[in-house]
Protein backbone atom coordinates (compact mmCIF):
# COMPACT_ATOMS: atom_id res chain seq x y z
CA MET A 1 -4.93 -18.31 2.90
CA SER A 2 -8.71 -17.82 1.88
CA GLU A 3 -9.81 -18.59 -1.61
CA GLU A 4 -11.01 -15.13 -1.91
CA TRP A 5 -7.19 -13.65 -1.32
CA SER A 6 -5.74 -16.66 -3.56
CA ALA A 7 -7.93 -15.80 -6.40
CA TYR A 8 -6.83 -12.07 -5.94
CA TYR A 9 -3.10 -12.55 -6.02
CA ASN A 10 -3.45 -14.81 -9.10
CA LEU A 11 -4.95 -12.06 -10.75
CA THR A 12 -2.93 -9.21 -9.70
CA LYS A 13 0.42 -11.11 -9.65
CA ASP A 14 1.58 -9.94 -13.16
CA ASN A 15 0.36 -6.53 -12.79
CA PRO A 16 2.52 -3.31 -13.50
CA PRO A 17 3.71 -1.36 -10.45
CA SER A 18 1.13 0.75 -8.96
CA LYS A 19 0.92 4.21 -10.38
CA THR A 20 1.92 5.90 -6.91
CA ALA A 21 5.00 3.44 -6.17
CA ALA A 22 6.19 4.05 -9.67
CA VAL A 23 6.27 7.88 -9.17
CA ALA A 24 7.66 7.23 -5.77
CA ALA A 25 10.73 5.68 -7.35
CA GLU A 26 10.87 8.05 -10.14
CA LEU A 27 11.49 10.61 -7.39
CA PHE A 28 14.30 9.06 -5.92
CA GLY A 29 16.16 8.52 -9.43
CA ASP A 30 19.34 6.37 -8.71
CA LYS A 31 19.18 6.60 -5.06
CA CYS A 32 18.32 3.44 -3.15
CA GLY A 33 17.05 2.96 0.51
CA GLN A 34 14.62 1.19 2.41
CA VAL A 35 10.97 0.65 1.34
CA LEU A 36 8.06 -0.45 3.46
CA ASP A 37 5.22 -2.09 1.26
CA LEU A 38 2.19 -2.20 3.39
CA GLY A 39 -0.34 -4.66 2.27
CA CYS A 40 1.83 -6.04 0.18
CA GLY A 41 -0.33 -8.73 -1.54
CA ALA A 42 1.31 -10.28 -4.64
CA GLY A 43 4.25 -8.67 -4.22
CA VAL A 44 4.22 -6.81 -7.21
CA ASP A 45 5.18 -3.15 -5.85
CA ALA A 46 7.66 -4.79 -3.26
CA LEU A 47 9.52 -6.56 -6.21
CA TYR A 48 9.66 -3.46 -8.30
CA PHE A 49 11.33 -1.76 -5.75
CA LEU A 50 13.65 -4.73 -5.29
CA SER A 51 14.56 -4.91 -8.89
CA LYS A 52 15.62 -1.37 -8.47
CA GLY A 53 18.24 -2.14 -5.68
CA TRP A 54 16.15 -1.26 -2.71
CA LYS A 55 16.20 -3.00 0.40
CA VAL A 56 12.29 -4.16 1.03
CA LEU A 57 9.89 -4.67 3.93
CA ALA A 58 6.87 -5.98 2.68
CA VAL A 59 4.10 -6.57 5.22
CA ASP A 60 0.70 -8.26 4.74
CA ALA A 61 -1.89 -10.17 7.08
CA ASN A 62 -1.46 -13.06 4.38
CA THR A 63 2.27 -13.60 3.43
CA GLU A 64 2.02 -17.43 2.02
CA TYR A 65 2.35 -16.15 -1.70
CA LEU A 66 5.41 -13.89 -1.31
CA ASP A 67 7.25 -16.32 0.81
CA ALA A 68 6.83 -18.69 -1.74
CA VAL A 69 8.19 -16.34 -4.45
CA ARG A 70 11.17 -15.50 -2.19
CA GLU A 71 12.32 -18.91 -1.88
CA GLU A 72 12.77 -19.29 -5.80
CA MET A 73 14.97 -15.89 -5.78
CA PRO A 74 18.75 -15.73 -6.19
CA ILE A 75 20.09 -15.45 -2.65
CA GLU A 76 21.37 -11.94 -2.81
CA LEU A 77 17.88 -10.98 -3.63
CA GLN A 78 16.27 -12.91 -0.71
CA GLN A 79 18.73 -10.98 1.76
CA LYS A 80 17.16 -7.67 0.58
CA LEU A 81 13.57 -8.76 1.03
CA ASP A 82 12.33 -9.22 4.46
CA ILE A 83 8.70 -10.40 4.72
CA CYS A 84 6.37 -9.70 7.78
CA GLN A 85 2.82 -11.19 8.47
CA MET A 86 1.10 -8.46 10.38
CA THR A 87 -2.36 -6.40 10.39
CA PHE A 88 -2.74 -3.27 10.02
CA GLU A 89 -4.35 -3.11 13.71
CA GLN A 90 -0.90 -4.52 14.75
CA LEU A 91 1.23 -2.07 13.02
CA HIS A 92 4.43 -0.82 14.63
CA ILE A 93 7.23 0.76 12.42
CA GLU A 94 10.55 -0.01 14.37
CA LYS A 95 12.62 2.50 12.21
CA VAL A 96 12.27 5.33 10.00
CA VAL A 97 12.23 4.45 6.47
CA ASP A 98 12.92 6.20 2.88
CA CYS A 99 9.54 5.32 1.38
CA ILE A 100 6.46 3.73 2.44
CA ILE A 101 3.98 2.28 -0.39
CA ALA A 102 0.22 1.48 0.82
CA ASN A 103 -1.29 0.55 -2.49
CA PHE A 104 -5.06 -0.26 -2.36
CA SER A 105 -4.37 -1.87 1.10
CA LEU A 106 -4.87 1.39 3.65
CA PRO A 107 -8.90 1.26 3.41
CA PHE A 108 -8.85 -2.37 4.78
CA CYS A 109 -7.82 -0.97 8.22
CA ASN A 110 -10.72 -1.14 10.70
CA PRO A 111 -11.75 2.30 11.21
CA ARG A 112 -11.20 2.19 14.73
CA TYR A 113 -7.88 1.52 14.49
CA PHE A 114 -7.03 3.52 11.46
CA ASP A 115 -5.84 7.09 13.17
CA GLU A 116 -3.31 4.70 15.52
CA MET A 117 -2.01 2.98 12.05
CA TRP A 118 -1.54 6.51 10.69
CA ARG A 119 0.62 7.96 12.98
CA GLU A 120 2.96 4.86 12.87
CA ILE A 121 3.23 5.82 9.08
CA VAL A 122 3.68 9.24 9.77
CA GLN A 123 6.24 8.73 12.29
CA GLY A 124 8.14 5.73 10.24
CA THR A 125 8.77 7.98 7.32
CA LYS A 126 11.94 9.77 7.47
CA PRO A 127 12.20 14.03 6.86
CA GLY A 128 12.02 14.03 3.11
CA GLY A 129 10.83 10.51 2.38
CA ILE A 130 7.86 9.58 0.60
CA PHE A 131 4.67 8.20 1.28
CA SER A 132 2.78 6.70 -1.72
CA GLY A 133 -0.51 4.95 -1.47
CA VAL A 134 -4.44 4.99 -2.15
CA PHE A 135 -7.27 5.82 -0.03
CA PHE A 136 -10.79 4.83 -0.54
CA GLY A 137 -13.30 8.10 -1.38
CA ASN A 138 -16.74 8.38 0.25
CA HIS A 139 -18.62 7.69 -2.78
CA ASP A 140 -17.22 4.19 -3.23
CA ASP A 141 -19.93 1.48 -3.44
CA TRP A 142 -18.14 -0.24 -0.20
CA ALA A 143 -18.68 2.84 1.83
CA LYS A 144 -22.29 2.15 1.96
CA SER A 145 -21.99 -1.24 3.44
CA MET A 146 -18.71 -1.87 5.06
CA GLN A 147 -18.08 1.39 7.06
CA GLU A 148 -17.77 -0.65 10.43
CA GLU A 149 -14.89 -2.84 8.56
CA ARG A 150 -13.20 -0.49 6.26
CA THR A 151 -12.02 2.94 5.84
CA PHE A 152 -13.17 5.72 3.51
CA HIS A 153 -12.23 9.56 3.67
CA THR A 154 -13.36 12.75 2.14
CA SER A 155 -10.84 15.01 -0.36
CA ILE A 156 -10.85 17.25 3.01
CA GLU A 157 -9.85 14.37 5.25
CA VAL A 158 -7.06 12.99 3.26
CA LYS A 159 -5.47 16.55 2.96
CA ALA A 160 -5.68 16.59 6.86
CA LEU A 161 -4.01 13.27 7.07
CA LEU A 162 -1.10 14.80 5.13
CA ALA A 163 -0.69 17.87 7.38
CA ASP A 164 3.10 16.51 7.98
CA PHE A 165 3.62 16.21 4.10
CA GLU A 166 4.16 18.22 0.96
CA ILE A 167 1.63 16.85 -1.66
CA ILE A 168 3.39 16.14 -4.82
CA ASN A 169 0.49 15.03 -6.53
CA MET A 170 -3.17 14.00 -5.23
CA ASN A 171 -5.62 12.45 -7.86
CA GLU A 172 -9.46 11.64 -7.23
CA GLU A 173 -10.75 9.07 -9.69
CA GLU A 174 -14.29 7.73 -9.95
CA TRP A 175 -15.56 4.99 -12.27
CA ASP A 176 -17.91 2.28 -12.75
CA GLY A 177 -15.57 -1.13 -12.48
CA THR A 178 -15.22 -4.48 -10.85
CA CYS A 179 -13.78 -6.01 -8.16
CA CYS A 180 -12.84 -9.28 -7.36
CA GLY A 181 -15.31 -11.90 -5.94
CA GLU A 182 -14.68 -15.11 -3.94
CA ASN A 183 -13.59 -17.30 -6.63
CA GLY A 184 -11.72 -14.59 -8.82
CA GLU A 185 -14.95 -13.57 -10.52
CA ALA A 186 -15.51 -10.04 -11.78
CA ILE A 187 -18.16 -8.42 -9.61
CA PRO A 188 -19.74 -4.89 -10.38
CA LYS A 189 -18.45 -1.84 -8.24
CA HIS A 190 -18.30 1.63 -8.40
CA TRP A 191 -14.68 2.95 -7.52
CA HIS A 192 -13.94 6.15 -5.57
CA ILE A 193 -10.10 6.78 -4.67
CA PHE A 194 -7.40 9.29 -4.05
CA ARG A 195 -3.83 8.23 -5.22
CA VAL A 196 -1.51 10.13 -3.30
CA VAL A 197 2.36 10.81 -3.53
CA ALA A 198 3.57 12.92 -0.67
CA ARG A 199 7.14 13.83 0.67
CA LYS A 200 7.49 14.15 4.39
CA GLU A 201 8.41 17.75 5.50
CA GLU A 202 11.86 18.41 6.88
CA LYS A 203 11.38 20.56 10.28
């Protein structure tokens, strides 16, 4: 694991669940199913759903941190948490799931592979299932310097991606804040994001 990602995991491991994941969980109420956490990071959202009785598949390019957390869990929780090391460029969803979470992770997919990855997400969500996640907007600081590495969208483009979904809520946010540097230091950054929760249409 790189020092930059290790610093990021240490900074985020005690965060509350993401806003989009919390809304998704509320929509299911007492129902439990299978959730796929794409770009799980330190596992905050994955562990949140696990605590609610869900079966969880957590996917990330770096899984060392969450692997270690899983080893310390009671066996009954370990049996409900599967961890898969995979990049977005390699993403293949073998069976449809009730809920897909992608909190601050989708934009890290190389734009050359984004459309293919998004098709996997659409096809991998059960009819009536929930997608919840964050897209980076075209006004984000990184859009100026990382267009070949990361993926950014306009509001119209995000809505087009969600053509097979009913949008439950979609919030556009812009602010001047910070991001995590290589050694965990705070670096100034202008953020532009879309937080989305949407339900797959039943056809």
